[in-house]
C-alpha cells in the first residue's frame, strides 16, 4: 500500500503530470495530442506518461497505430483516504478538484500569454 501511495504522490509532484491529468479529465487522448500544448519532446512527454501509468493514474492502450491515454477514475482514492486519516482534509470532491485544476491551468495559460 505504501509503495502505491508513494508512486501516486511522486507522480502528482510534477506540474506537467498534473496538467496532463487535467487534460485527461475531459476525454481519452492520443499521446501526440497530449504532447501538443507542451514545449518538450515527445520522448519527454512519454516519460511523464510512463510515470503516470506506473502510478496507476492513467492507462495506455494501442488502437491501431495510435497510443491512447485514459484517466483511471479511482486511482487517487487511496491518496484521498490517506489524507482524510489526518482529519485535516475534507473528502476529495472530484468536481471541485476539476474546477480548481481548470482555474489553475487557465490562470497559468493567461500568465504565459502576457509574458510572451
PDB file of N, CA and C in Angstrom:
ATOM      1  N   UNK A   1       0.823  -1.196   0.000  1.00  0.00           N
ATOM      2  CA  UNK A   1       0.000   0.000   0.000  1.00  0.00           C
ATOM      3  C   UNK A   1       0.863   1.254   0.000  1.00  0.00           C
ATOM      4  N   UNK A   2       1.912   1.289   0.830  1.00  0.00           N
ATOM      5  CA  UNK A   2       2.763   2.475   0.901  1.00  0.00           C
ATOM      6  C   UNK A   2       3.479   2.730  -0.413  1.00  0.00           C
ATOM      7  N   UNK A   3       3.911   1.672  -1.105  1.00  0.00           N
ATOM      8  CA  UNK A   3       4.589   1.856  -2.386  1.00  0.00           C
ATOM      9  C   UNK A   3       3.661   2.508  -3.407  1.00  0.00           C
ATOM     10  N   UNK A   4       2.430   2.061  -3.444  1.00  0.00           N
ATOM     11  CA  UNK A   4       1.442   2.618  -4.372  1.00  0.00           C
ATOM     12  C   UNK A   4       1.179   4.089  -4.047  1.00  0.00           C
ATOM     13  N   UNK A   5       1.072   4.395  -2.765  1.00  0.00           N
ATOM     14  CA  UNK A   5       0.859   5.766  -2.333  1.00  0.00           C
ATOM     15  C   UNK A   5       2.056   6.642  -2.697  1.00  0.00           C
ATOM     16  N   UNK A   6       3.259   6.117  -2.497  1.00  0.00           N
ATOM     17  CA  UNK A   6       4.465   6.850  -2.880  1.00  0.00           C
ATOM     18  C   UNK A   6       4.469   7.168  -4.370  1.00  0.00           C
ATOM     19  N   UNK A   7       4.121   6.169  -5.186  1.00  0.00           N
ATOM     20  CA  UNK A   7       4.084   6.381  -6.634  1.00  0.00           C
ATOM     21  C   UNK A   7       3.053   7.440  -7.011  1.00  0.00           C
ATOM     22  N   UNK A   8       1.917   7.426  -6.347  1.00  0.00           N
ATOM     23  CA  UNK A   8       0.870   8.414  -6.626  1.00  0.00           C
ATOM     24  C   UNK A   8       1.353   9.822  -6.316  1.00  0.00           C
ATOM     25  N   UNK A   9       1.901  10.019  -5.121  1.00  0.00           N
ATOM     26  CA  UNK A   9       2.355  11.365  -4.749  1.00  0.00           C
ATOM     27  C   UNK A   9       3.562  11.813  -5.568  1.00  0.00           C
ATOM     28  N   UNK A  10       4.452  10.904  -5.917  1.00  0.00           N
ATOM     29  CA  UNK A  10       5.588  11.258  -6.780  1.00  0.00           C
ATOM     30  C   UNK A  10       5.088  11.704  -8.149  1.00  0.00           C
ATOM     31  N   UNK A  11       4.087  10.993  -8.673  1.00  0.00           N
ATOM     32  CA  UNK A  11       3.537  11.364  -9.978  1.00  0.00           C
ATOM     33  C   UNK A  11       2.858  12.731  -9.914  1.00  0.00           C
ATOM     34  N   UNK A  12       2.153  13.001  -8.819  1.00  0.00           N
ATOM     35  CA  UNK A  12       1.437  14.272  -8.678  1.00  0.00           C
ATOM     36  C   UNK A  12       2.351  15.453  -8.361  1.00  0.00           C
ATOM     37  N   UNK A  13       3.591  15.172  -8.001  1.00  0.00           N
ATOM     38  CA  UNK A  13       4.510  16.237  -7.603  1.00  0.00           C
ATOM     39  C   UNK A  13       4.948  17.115  -8.771  1.00  0.00           C
ATOM     40  N   UNK A  14       4.803  16.639  -9.982  1.00  0.00           N
ATOM     41  CA  UNK A  14       5.283  17.383 -11.149  1.00  0.00           C
ATOM     42  C   UNK A  14       4.135  18.154 -11.815  1.00  0.00           C
ATOM     43  N   UNK A  15       4.325  19.449 -12.084  1.00  0.00           N
ATOM     44  CA  UNK A  15       3.246  20.249 -12.681  1.00  0.00           C
ATOM     45  C   UNK A  15       2.851  19.788 -14.084  1.00  0.00           C
ATOM     46  N   UNK A  16       3.792  19.272 -14.850  1.00  0.00           N
ATOM     47  CA  UNK A  16       3.456  18.770 -16.187  1.00  0.00           C
ATOM     48  C   UNK A  16       2.516  17.577 -16.076  1.00  0.00           C
ATOM     49  N   UNK A  17       2.813  16.676 -15.148  1.00  0.00           N
ATOM     50  CA  UNK A  17       1.953  15.499 -14.982  1.00  0.00           C
ATOM     51  C   UNK A  17       0.575  15.890 -14.462  1.00  0.00           C
ATOM     52  N   UNK A  18       0.512  16.876 -13.582  1.00  0.00           N
ATOM     53  CA  UNK A  18      -0.799  17.349 -13.109  1.00  0.00           C
ATOM     54  C   UNK A  18      -1.590  17.959 -14.261  1.00  0.00           C
ATOM     55  N   UNK A  19      -0.906  18.683 -15.136  1.00  0.00           N
ATOM     56  CA  UNK A  19      -1.571  19.276 -16.302  1.00  0.00           C
ATOM     57  C   UNK A  19      -2.089  18.178 -17.238  1.00  0.00           C
ATOM     58  N   UNK A  20      -1.313  17.133 -17.418  1.00  0.00           N
ATOM     59  CA  UNK A  20      -1.750  16.014 -18.256  1.00  0.00           C
ATOM     60  C   UNK A  20      -3.008  15.380 -17.665  1.00  0.00           C
ATOM     61  N   UNK A  21      -3.015  15.165 -16.358  1.00  0.00           N
ATOM     62  CA  UNK A  21      -4.198  14.594 -15.711  1.00  0.00           C
ATOM     63  C   UNK A  21      -5.416  15.485 -15.926  1.00  0.00           C
ATOM     64  N   UNK A  22      -5.216  16.779 -15.827  1.00  0.00           N
ATOM     65  CA  UNK A  22      -6.316  17.717 -16.034  1.00  0.00           C
ATOM     66  C   UNK A  22      -6.858  17.614 -17.459  1.00  0.00           C
ATOM     67  N   UNK A  23      -5.973  17.478 -18.415  1.00  0.00           N
ATOM     68  CA  UNK A  23      -6.387  17.336 -19.814  1.00  0.00           C
ATOM     69  C   UNK A  23      -7.205  16.056 -20.006  1.00  0.00           C
ATOM     70  N   UNK A  24      -6.799  15.001 -19.332  1.00  0.00           N
ATOM     71  CA  UNK A  24      -7.471  13.711 -19.488  1.00  0.00           C
ATOM     72  C   UNK A  24      -8.800  13.650 -18.740  1.00  0.00           C
ATOM     73  N   UNK A  25      -9.094  14.662 -17.914  1.00  0.00           N
ATOM     74  CA  UNK A  25     -10.409  14.733 -17.271  1.00  0.00           C
ATOM     75  C   UNK A  25     -11.510  14.860 -18.326  1.00  0.00           C
ATOM     76  N   UNK A  26     -11.185  15.512 -19.426  1.00  0.00           N
ATOM     77  CA  UNK A  26     -12.160  15.763 -20.484  1.00  0.00           C
ATOM     78  C   UNK A  26     -12.488  14.495 -21.267  1.00  0.00           C
ATOM     79  N   UNK A  27     -11.447  13.755 -21.694  1.00  0.00           N
ATOM     80  CA  UNK A  27     -11.662  12.590 -22.544  1.00  0.00           C
ATOM     81  C   UNK A  27     -10.334  11.876 -22.741  1.00  0.00           C
ATOM     82  N   UNK A  28     -10.384  10.659 -23.289  1.00  0.00           N
ATOM     83  CA  UNK A  28      -9.173   9.948 -23.674  1.00  0.00           C
ATOM     84  C   UNK A  28      -8.463  10.770 -24.755  1.00  0.00           C
ATOM     85  N   UNK A  29      -7.142  10.677 -24.780  1.00  0.00           N
ATOM     86  CA  UNK A  29      -6.380  11.443 -25.773  1.00  0.00           C
ATOM     87  C   UNK A  29      -5.254  10.600 -26.341  1.00  0.00           C
ATOM     88  N   UNK A  30      -4.946  10.838 -27.611  1.00  0.00           N
ATOM     89  CA  UNK A  30      -3.774  10.233 -28.229  1.00  0.00           C
ATOM     90  C   UNK A  30      -2.532  10.889 -27.625  1.00  0.00           C
ATOM     91  N   UNK A  31      -1.458  10.134 -27.541  1.00  0.00           N
ATOM     92  CA  UNK A  31      -0.210  10.657 -26.961  1.00  0.00           C
ATOM     93  C   UNK A  31       0.233  11.927 -27.680  1.00  0.00           C
ATOM     94  N   UNK A  32       0.115  11.965 -28.987  1.00  0.00           N
ATOM     95  CA  UNK A  32       0.534  13.166 -29.730  1.00  0.00           C
ATOM     96  C   UNK A  32      -0.313  14.378 -29.355  1.00  0.00           C
ATOM     97  N   UNK A  33      -1.599  14.162 -29.066  1.00  0.00           N
ATOM     98  CA  UNK A  33      -2.466  15.267 -28.645  1.00  0.00           C
ATOM     99  C   UNK A  33      -2.120  15.726 -27.232  1.00  0.00           C
ATOM    100  N   UNK A  34      -1.737  14.779 -26.375  1.00  0.00           N
ATOM    101  CA  UNK A  34      -1.298  15.133 -25.022  1.00  0.00           C
ATOM    102  C   UNK A  34      -0.051  16.012 -25.108  1.00  0.00           C
ATOM    103  N   UNK A  35       0.851  15.658 -26.001  1.00  0.00           N
ATOM    104  CA  UNK A  35       2.137  16.368 -26.105  1.00  0.00           C
ATOM    105  C   UNK A  35       2.008  17.772 -26.702  1.00  0.00           C
ATOM    106  N   UNK A  36       0.989  17.985 -27.515  1.00  0.00           N
ATOM    107  CA  UNK A  36       0.861  19.218 -28.293  1.00  0.00           C
ATOM    108  C   UNK A  36       1.029  20.518 -27.512  1.00  0.00           C
ATOM    109  N   UNK A  37       0.357  20.707 -26.358  1.00  0.00           N
ATOM    110  CA  UNK A  37       0.472  22.012 -25.690  1.00  0.00           C
ATOM    111  C   UNK A  37       1.792  22.241 -24.940  1.00  0.00           C
ATOM    112  N   UNK A  38       2.633  21.231 -24.851  1.00  0.00           N
ATOM    113  CA  UNK A  38       3.863  21.357 -24.065  1.00  0.00           C
ATOM    114  C   UNK A  38       5.061  21.637 -24.959  1.00  0.00           C
ATOM    115  N   UNK A  39       5.955  22.453 -24.456  1.00  0.00           N
ATOM    116  CA  UNK A  39       7.173  22.764 -25.191  1.00  0.00           C
ATOM    117  C   UNK A  39       8.274  21.795 -24.789  1.00  0.00           C
ATOM    118  N   UNK A  40       8.060  20.524 -25.122  1.00  0.00           N
ATOM    119  CA  UNK A  40       9.050  19.489 -24.840  1.00  0.00           C
ATOM    120  C   UNK A  40       8.888  18.395 -25.877  1.00  0.00           C
ATOM    121  N   UNK A  41       9.875  17.545 -25.946  1.00  0.00           N
ATOM    122  CA  UNK A  41       9.870  16.483 -26.944  1.00  0.00           C
ATOM    123  C   UNK A  41       8.819  15.431 -26.623  1.00  0.00           C
ATOM    124  N   UNK A  42       8.483  14.662 -27.637  1.00  0.00           N
ATOM    125  CA  UNK A  42       7.555  13.557 -27.455  1.00  0.00           C
ATOM    126  C   UNK A  42       8.149  12.522 -26.498  1.00  0.00           C
ATOM    127  N   UNK A  43       9.465  12.359 -26.547  1.00  0.00           N
ATOM    128  CA  UNK A  43      10.142  11.431 -25.628  1.00  0.00           C
ATOM    129  C   UNK A  43       9.974  11.882 -24.175  1.00  0.00           C
ATOM    130  N   UNK A  44      10.071  13.179 -23.926  1.00  0.00           N
ATOM    131  CA  UNK A  44       9.900  13.702 -22.565  1.00  0.00           C
ATOM    132  C   UNK A  44       8.463  13.492 -22.088  1.00  0.00           C
ATOM    133  N   UNK A  45       7.494  13.739 -22.962  1.00  0.00           N
ATOM    134  CA  UNK A  45       6.092  13.506 -22.608  1.00  0.00           C
ATOM    135  C   UNK A  45       5.872  12.025 -22.325  1.00  0.00           C
ATOM    136  N   UNK A  46       6.479  11.167 -23.123  1.00  0.00           N
ATOM    137  CA  UNK A  46       6.350   9.721 -22.920  1.00  0.00           C
ATOM    138  C   UNK A  46       6.867   9.304 -21.551  1.00  0.00           C
ATOM    139  N   UNK A  47       7.939   9.937 -21.090  1.00  0.00           N
ATOM    140  CA  UNK A  47       8.457   9.635 -19.749  1.00  0.00           C
ATOM    141  C   UNK A  47       7.437  10.032 -18.680  1.00  0.00           C
ATOM    142  N   UNK A  48       6.828  11.188 -18.850  1.00  0.00           N
ATOM    143  CA  UNK A  48       5.790  11.625 -17.903  1.00  0.00           C
ATOM    144  C   UNK A  48       4.616  10.641 -17.911  1.00  0.00           C
ATOM    145  N   UNK A  49       4.217  10.207 -19.104  1.00  0.00           N
ATOM    146  CA  UNK A  49       3.105   9.266 -19.219  1.00  0.00           C
ATOM    147  C   UNK A  49       3.444   7.918 -18.584  1.00  0.00           C
ATOM    148  N   UNK A  50       4.694   7.504 -18.706  1.00  0.00           N
ATOM    149  CA  UNK A  50       5.126   6.250 -18.081  1.00  0.00           C
ATOM    150  C   UNK A  50       5.009   6.348 -16.565  1.00  0.00           C
ATOM    151  N   UNK A  51       5.400   7.471 -16.002  1.00  0.00           N
ATOM    152  CA  UNK A  51       5.312   7.676 -14.547  1.00  0.00           C
ATOM    153  C   UNK A  51       3.852   7.656 -14.103  1.00  0.00           C
ATOM    154  N   UNK A  52       2.988   8.329 -14.852  1.00  0.00           N
ATOM    155  CA  UNK A  52       1.561   8.339 -14.516  1.00  0.00           C
ATOM    156  C   UNK A  52       0.951   6.950 -14.640  1.00  0.00           C
ATOM    157  N   UNK A  53       1.398   6.191 -15.635  1.00  0.00           N
ATOM    158  CA  UNK A  53       0.899   4.828 -15.827  1.00  0.00           C
ATOM    159  C   UNK A  53       1.379   3.922 -14.702  1.00  0.00           C
ATOM    160  N   UNK A  54       2.643   4.026 -14.342  1.00  0.00           N
ATOM    161  CA  UNK A  54       3.207   3.213 -13.265  1.00  0.00           C
ATOM    162  C   UNK A  54       2.488   3.481 -11.944  1.00  0.00           C
ATOM    163  N   UNK A  55       2.068   4.729 -11.740  1.00  0.00           N
ATOM    164  CA  UNK A  55       1.344   5.098 -10.523  1.00  0.00           C
ATOM    165  C   UNK A  55      -0.118   4.661 -10.590  1.00  0.00           C
ATOM    166  N   UNK A  56      -0.563   4.210 -11.760  1.00  0.00           N
ATOM    167  CA  UNK A  56      -1.944   3.770 -11.918  1.00  0.00           C
ATOM    168  C   UNK A  56      -2.930   4.906 -12.144  1.00  0.00           C
ATOM    169  N   UNK A  57      -2.419   6.109 -12.349  1.00  0.00           N
ATOM    170  CA  UNK A  57      -3.295   7.267 -12.532  1.00  0.00           C
ATOM    171  C   UNK A  57      -3.900   7.317 -13.935  1.00  0.00           C
ATOM    172  N   UNK A  58      -3.179   6.754 -14.900  1.00  0.00           N
ATOM    173  CA  UNK A  58      -3.700   6.650 -16.262  1.00  0.00           C
ATOM    174  C   UNK A  58      -3.426   5.247 -16.775  1.00  0.00           C
ATOM    175  N   UNK A  59      -4.090   4.902 -17.852  1.00  0.00           N
ATOM    176  CA  UNK A  59      -3.766   3.672 -18.574  1.00  0.00           C
ATOM    177  C   UNK A  59      -3.499   4.077 -20.015  1.00  0.00           C
ATOM    178  N   UNK A  60      -2.727   3.248 -20.706  1.00  0.00           N
ATOM    179  CA  UNK A  60      -2.422   3.494 -22.108  1.00  0.00           C
ATOM    180  C   UNK A  60      -2.760   2.242 -22.902  1.00  0.00           C
ATOM    181  N   UNK A  61      -3.327   2.456 -24.075  1.00  0.00           N
ATOM    182  CA  UNK A  61      -3.612   1.319 -24.945  1.00  0.00           C
ATOM    183  C   UNK A  61      -3.379   1.723 -26.383  1.00  0.00           C
ATOM    184  N   UNK A  62      -2.957   0.756 -27.158  1.00  0.00           N
ATOM    185  CA  UNK A  62      -2.715   0.997 -28.573  1.00  0.00           C
ATOM    186  C   UNK A  62      -3.989   0.664 -29.341  1.00  0.00           C
ATOM    187  N   UNK A  63      -4.434   1.610 -30.144  1.00  0.00           N
ATOM    188  CA  UNK A  63      -5.583   1.423 -31.026  1.00  0.00           C
ATOM    189  C   UNK A  63      -5.088   1.663 -32.446  1.00  0.00           C
ATOM    190  N   UNK A  64      -4.852   0.586 -33.148  1.00  0.00           N
ATOM    191  CA  UNK A  64      -4.241   0.712 -34.469  1.00  0.00           C
ATOM    192  C   UNK A  64      -2.807   1.156 -34.304  1.00  0.00           C
ATOM    193  N   UNK A  65      -2.461   2.253 -34.945  1.00  0.00           N
ATOM    194  CA  UNK A  65      -1.093   2.773 -34.855  1.00  0.00           C
ATOM    195  C   UNK A  65      -0.952   3.852 -33.789  1.00  0.00           C
ATOM    196  N   UNK A  66      -2.055   4.185 -33.123  1.00  0.00           N
ATOM    197  CA  UNK A  66      -2.066   5.310 -32.182  1.00  0.00           C
ATOM    198  C   UNK A  66      -2.161   4.793 -30.747  1.00  0.00           C
ATOM    199  N   UNK A  67      -1.328   5.374 -29.876  1.00  0.00           N
ATOM    200  CA  UNK A  67      -1.377   5.045 -28.456  1.00  0.00           C
ATOM    201  C   UNK A  67      -2.258   6.086 -27.760  1.00  0.00           C
ATOM    202  N   UNK A  68      -3.254   5.585 -27.008  1.00  0.00           N
ATOM    203  CA  UNK A  68      -4.217   6.444 -26.330  1.00  0.00           C
ATOM    204  C   UNK A  68      -3.993   6.408 -24.822  1.00  0.00           C
ATOM    205  N   UNK A  69      -4.279   7.527 -24.171  1.00  0.00           N
ATOM    206  CA  UNK A  69      -4.162   7.651 -22.721  1.00  0.00           C
ATOM    207  C   UNK A  69      -5.558   7.870 -22.147  1.00  0.00           C
ATOM    208  N   UNK A  70      -5.797   7.229 -21.017  1.00  0.00           N
ATOM    209  CA  UNK A  70      -7.102   7.333 -20.365  1.00  0.00           C
ATOM    210  C   UNK A  70      -6.891   7.538 -18.874  1.00  0.00           C
ATOM    211  N   UNK A  71      -7.605   8.479 -18.301  1.00  0.00           N
ATOM    212  CA  UNK A  71      -7.562   8.709 -16.861  1.00  0.00           C
ATOM    213  C   UNK A  71      -8.240   7.540 -16.149  1.00  0.00           C
ATOM    214  N   UNK A  72      -7.611   7.062 -15.090  1.00  0.00           N
ATOM    215  CA  UNK A  72      -8.202   5.990 -14.288  1.00  0.00           C
ATOM    216  C   UNK A  72      -8.934   6.635 -13.116  1.00  0.00           C
ATOM    217  N   UNK A  73     -10.261   6.625 -13.132  1.00  0.00           N
ATOM    218  CA  UNK A  73     -11.057   7.424 -12.199  1.00  0.00           C
ATOM    219  C   UNK A  73     -10.846   7.125 -10.713  1.00  0.00           C
ATOM    220  N   UNK A  74     -10.606   5.890 -10.343  1.00  0.00           N
ATOM    221  CA  UNK A  74     -10.466   5.571  -8.925  1.00  0.00           C
ATOM    222  C   UNK A  74      -9.033   5.583  -8.430  1.00  0.00           C
ATOM    223  N   UNK A  75      -8.125   6.025  -9.269  1.00  0.00           N
ATOM    224  CA  UNK A  75      -6.701   5.904  -8.961  1.00  0.00           C
ATOM    225  C   UNK A  75      -6.254   6.731  -7.751  1.00  0.00           C
ATOM    226  N   UNK A  76      -6.891   7.849  -7.485  1.00  0.00           N
ATOM    227  CA  UNK A  76      -6.453   8.709  -6.380  1.00  0.00           C
ATOM    228  C   UNK A  76      -7.190   8.411  -5.078  1.00  0.00           C
ATOM    229  N   UNK A  77      -8.009   7.386  -5.095  1.00  0.00           N
ATOM    230  CA  UNK A  77      -8.805   7.076  -3.910  1.00  0.00           C
ATOM    231  C   UNK A  77      -7.927   6.788  -2.695  1.00  0.00           C
ATOM    232  N   UNK A  78      -6.884   5.982  -2.860  1.00  0.00           N
ATOM    233  CA  UNK A  78      -6.009   5.644  -1.730  1.00  0.00           C
ATOM    234  C   UNK A  78      -5.355   6.901  -1.153  1.00  0.00           C
ATOM    235  N   UNK A  79      -4.934   7.813  -2.019  1.00  0.00           N
ATOM    236  CA  UNK A  79      -4.319   9.061  -1.547  1.00  0.00           C
ATOM    237  C   UNK A  79      -5.340   9.901  -0.789  1.00  0.00           C
ATOM    238  N   UNK A  80      -6.562   9.952  -1.300  1.00  0.00           N
ATOM    239  CA  UNK A  80      -7.630  10.702  -0.636  1.00  0.00           C
ATOM    240  C   UNK A  80      -7.931  10.112   0.740  1.00  0.00           C
ATOM    241  N   UNK A  81      -8.044   8.791   0.810  1.00  0.00           N
ATOM    242  CA  UNK A  81      -8.312   8.124   2.084  1.00  0.00           C
ATOM    243  C   UNK A  81      -7.170   8.382   3.064  1.00  0.00           C
ATOM    244  N   UNK A  82      -5.944   8.327   2.582  1.00  0.00           N
ATOM    245  CA  UNK A  82      -4.773   8.556   3.440  1.00  0.00           C
ATOM    246  C   UNK A  82      -4.812   9.982   4.012  1.00  0.00           C
ATOM    247  N   UNK A  83      -5.119  10.971   3.165  1.00  0.00           N
ATOM    248  CA  UNK A  83      -5.171  12.362   3.633  1.00  0.00           C
ATOM    249  C   UNK A  83      -6.308  12.571   4.625  1.00  0.00           C
ATOM    250  N   UNK A  84      -7.422  11.915   4.413  1.00  0.00           N
ATOM    251  CA  UNK A  84      -8.554  12.044   5.325  1.00  0.00           C
ATOM    252  C   UNK A  84      -8.209  11.513   6.711  1.00  0.00           C
ATOM    253  N   UNK A  85      -7.276  10.571   6.766  1.00  0.00           N
ATOM    254  CA  UNK A  85      -6.866   9.997   8.041  1.00  0.00           C
ATOM    255  C   UNK A  85      -6.263  11.022   8.989  1.00  0.00           C
ATOM    256  N   UNK A  86      -5.812  12.130   8.469  1.00  0.00           N
ATOM    257  CA  UNK A  86      -5.246  13.172   9.313  1.00  0.00           C
ATOM    258  C   UNK A  86      -6.306  14.087   9.902  1.00  0.00           C
ATOM    259  N   UNK A  87      -7.522  13.953   9.407  1.00  0.00           N
ATOM    260  CA  UNK A  87      -8.619  14.748   9.935  1.00  0.00           C
ATOM    261  C   UNK A  87      -8.563  16.211   9.550  1.00  0.00           C
ATOM    262  N   UNK A  88      -7.561  16.594   8.788  1.00  0.00           N
ATOM    263  CA  UNK A  88      -7.418  17.991   8.390  1.00  0.00           C
ATOM    264  C   UNK A  88      -7.979  18.231   6.996  1.00  0.00           C
ATOM    265  N   UNK A  89      -8.306  17.155   6.313  1.00  0.00           N
ATOM    266  CA  UNK A  89      -8.748  17.272   4.938  1.00  0.00           C
ATOM    267  C   UNK A  89     -10.165  16.745   4.797  1.00  0.00           C
ATOM    268  N   UNK A  90     -10.953  17.468   4.070  1.00  0.00           N
ATOM    269  CA  UNK A  90     -12.301  17.017   3.753  1.00  0.00           C
ATOM    270  C   UNK A  90     -12.190  15.951   2.671  1.00  0.00           C
ATOM    271  N   UNK A  91     -13.195  15.112   2.536  1.00  0.00           N
ATOM    272  CA  UNK A  91     -13.182  14.157   1.423  1.00  0.00           C
ATOM    273  C   UNK A  91     -13.012  14.905   0.105  1.00  0.00           C
ATOM    274  N   UNK A  92     -12.269  14.324  -0.788  1.00  0.00           N
ATOM    275  CA  UNK A  92     -11.990  14.971  -2.064  1.00  0.00           C
ATOM    276  C   UNK A  92     -13.257  14.992  -2.908  1.00  0.00           C
ATOM    277  N   UNK A  93     -13.653  16.187  -3.284  1.00  0.00           N
ATOM    278  CA  UNK A  93     -14.772  16.375  -4.194  1.00  0.00           C
ATOM    279  C   UNK A  93     -14.158  16.497  -5.585  1.00  0.00           C
ATOM    280  N   UNK A  94     -14.288  15.448  -6.400  1.00  0.00           N
ATOM    281  CA  UNK A  94     -13.615  15.427  -7.693  1.00  0.00           C
ATOM    282  C   UNK A  94     -14.121  16.525  -8.621  1.00  0.00           C
ATOM    283  N   UNK A  95     -15.384  16.904  -8.519  1.00  0.00           N
ATOM    284  CA  UNK A  95     -15.887  18.001  -9.341  1.00  0.00           C
ATOM    285  C   UNK A  95     -15.211  19.312  -8.965  1.00  0.00           C
ATOM    286  N   UNK A  96     -15.072  19.552  -7.665  1.00  0.00           N
ATOM    287  CA  UNK A  96     -14.390  20.761  -7.206  1.00  0.00           C
ATOM    288  C   UNK A  96     -12.914  20.722  -7.587  1.00  0.00           C
ATOM    289  N   UNK A  97     -12.303  19.532  -7.515  1.00  0.00           N
ATOM    290  CA  UNK A  97     -10.893  19.381  -7.896  1.00  0.00           C
ATOM    291  C   UNK A  97     -10.720  19.691  -9.376  1.00  0.00           C
ATOM    292  N   UNK A  98     -11.635  19.224 -10.208  1.00  0.00           N
ATOM    293  CA  UNK A  98     -11.584  19.503 -11.642  1.00  0.00           C
ATOM    294  C   UNK A  98     -11.697  20.998 -11.897  1.00  0.00           C
ATOM    295  N   UNK A  99     -12.628  21.657 -11.217  1.00  0.00           N
ATOM    296  CA  UNK A  99     -12.809  23.104 -11.361  1.00  0.00           C
ATOM    297  C   UNK A  99     -11.541  23.845 -10.938  1.00  0.00           C
ATOM    298  N   UNK A 100     -10.951  23.408  -9.829  1.00  0.00           N
ATOM    299  CA  UNK A 100      -9.708  24.010  -9.349  1.00  0.00           C
ATOM    300  C   UNK A 100      -8.606  23.877 -10.393  1.00  0.00           C
ATOM    301  N   UNK A 101      -8.442  22.666 -10.956  1.00  0.00           N
ATOM    302  CA  UNK A 101      -7.400  22.449 -11.960  1.00  0.00           C
ATOM    303  C   UNK A 101      -7.643  23.303 -13.195  1.00  0.00           C
ATOM    304  N   UNK A 102      -8.899  23.392 -13.638  1.00  0.00           N
ATOM    305  CA  UNK A 102      -9.216  24.219 -14.799  1.00  0.00           C
ATOM    306  C   UNK A 102      -8.884  25.678 -14.533  1.00  0.00           C
ATOM    307  N   UNK A 103      -9.209  26.162 -13.344  1.00  0.00           N
ATOM    308  CA  UNK A 103      -8.913  27.541 -12.969  1.00  0.00           C
ATOM    309  C   UNK A 103      -7.412  27.772 -12.918  1.00  0.00           C
ATOM    310  N   UNK A 104      -6.699  26.847 -12.282  1.00  0.00           N
ATOM    311  CA  UNK A 104      -5.247  26.957 -12.152  1.00  0.00           C
ATOM    312  C   UNK A 104      -4.584  26.948 -13.516  1.00  0.00           C
ATOM    313  N   UNK A 105      -4.945  26.008 -14.355  1.00  0.00           N
ATOM    314  CA  UNK A 105      -4.329  25.897 -15.671  1.00  0.00           C
ATOM    315  C   UNK A 105      -4.718  27.070 -16.560  1.00  0.00           C
ATOM    316  N   UNK A 106      -5.940  27.559 -16.415  1.00  0.00           N
ATOM    317  CA  UNK A 106      -6.350  28.733 -17.170  1.00  0.00           C
ATOM    318  C   UNK A 106      -5.544  29.960 -16.777  1.00  0.00           C
ATOM    319  N   UNK A 107      -5.298  30.115 -15.480  1.00  0.00           N
ATOM    320  CA  UNK A 107      -4.503  31.251 -14.992  1.00  0.00           C
ATOM    321  C   UNK A 107      -3.059  31.137 -15.466  1.00  0.00           C
ATOM    322  N   UNK A 108      -2.504  29.930 -15.465  1.00  0.00           N
ATOM    323  CA  UNK A 108      -1.133  29.741 -15.936  1.00  0.00           C
ATOM    324  C   UNK A 108      -1.029  30.062 -17.416  1.00  0.00           C
ATOM    325  N   UNK A 109      -2.049  29.667 -18.199  1.00  0.00           N
ATOM    326  CA  UNK A 109      -2.056  29.944 -19.635  1.00  0.00           C
ATOM    327  C   UNK A 109      -2.125  31.434 -19.904  1.00  0.00           C
ATOM    328  N   UNK A 110      -2.970  32.149 -19.158  1.00  0.00           N
ATOM    329  CA  UNK A 110      -3.072  33.589 -19.308  1.00  0.00           C
ATOM    330  C   UNK A 110      -1.768  34.270 -18.933  1.00  0.00           C
ATOM    331  N   UNK A 111      -1.109  33.759 -17.880  1.00  0.00           N
ATOM    332  CA  UNK A 111       0.167  34.337 -17.447  1.00  0.00           C
ATOM    333  C   UNK A 111       1.228  34.167 -18.521  1.00  0.00           C
ATOM    334  N   UNK A 112       1.268  32.988 -19.157  1.00  0.00           N
ATOM    335  CA  UNK A 112       2.236  32.743 -20.233  1.00  0.00           C
ATOM    336  C   UNK A 112       1.971  33.684 -21.420  1.00  0.00           C
ATOM    337  N   UNK A 113       0.689  33.900 -21.738  1.00  0.00           N
ATOM    338  CA  UNK A 113       0.349  34.767 -22.858  1.00  0.00           C
ATOM    339  C   UNK A 113       0.789  36.194 -22.617  1.00  0.00           C
ATOM    340  N   UNK A 114       0.652  36.675 -21.374  1.00  0.00           N
ATOM    341  CA  UNK A 114       1.056  38.053 -21.088  1.00  0.00           C
ATOM    342  C   UNK A 114       2.572  38.193 -21.041  1.00  0.00           C
ATOM    343  N   UNK A 115       3.273  37.098 -20.711  1.00  0.00           N
ATOM    344  CA  UNK A 115       4.738  37.144 -20.666  1.00  0.00           C
ATOM    345  C   UNK A 115       5.335  37.020 -22.065  1.00  0.00           C
ATOM    346  N   UNK A 116       4.611  36.312 -22.943  1.00  0.00           N
ATOM    347  CA  UNK A 116       5.116  36.027 -24.308  1.00  0.00           C
ATOM    348  C   UNK A 116       5.041  37.213 -25.157  1.00  0.00           C
TER     349      UNK A 116
END
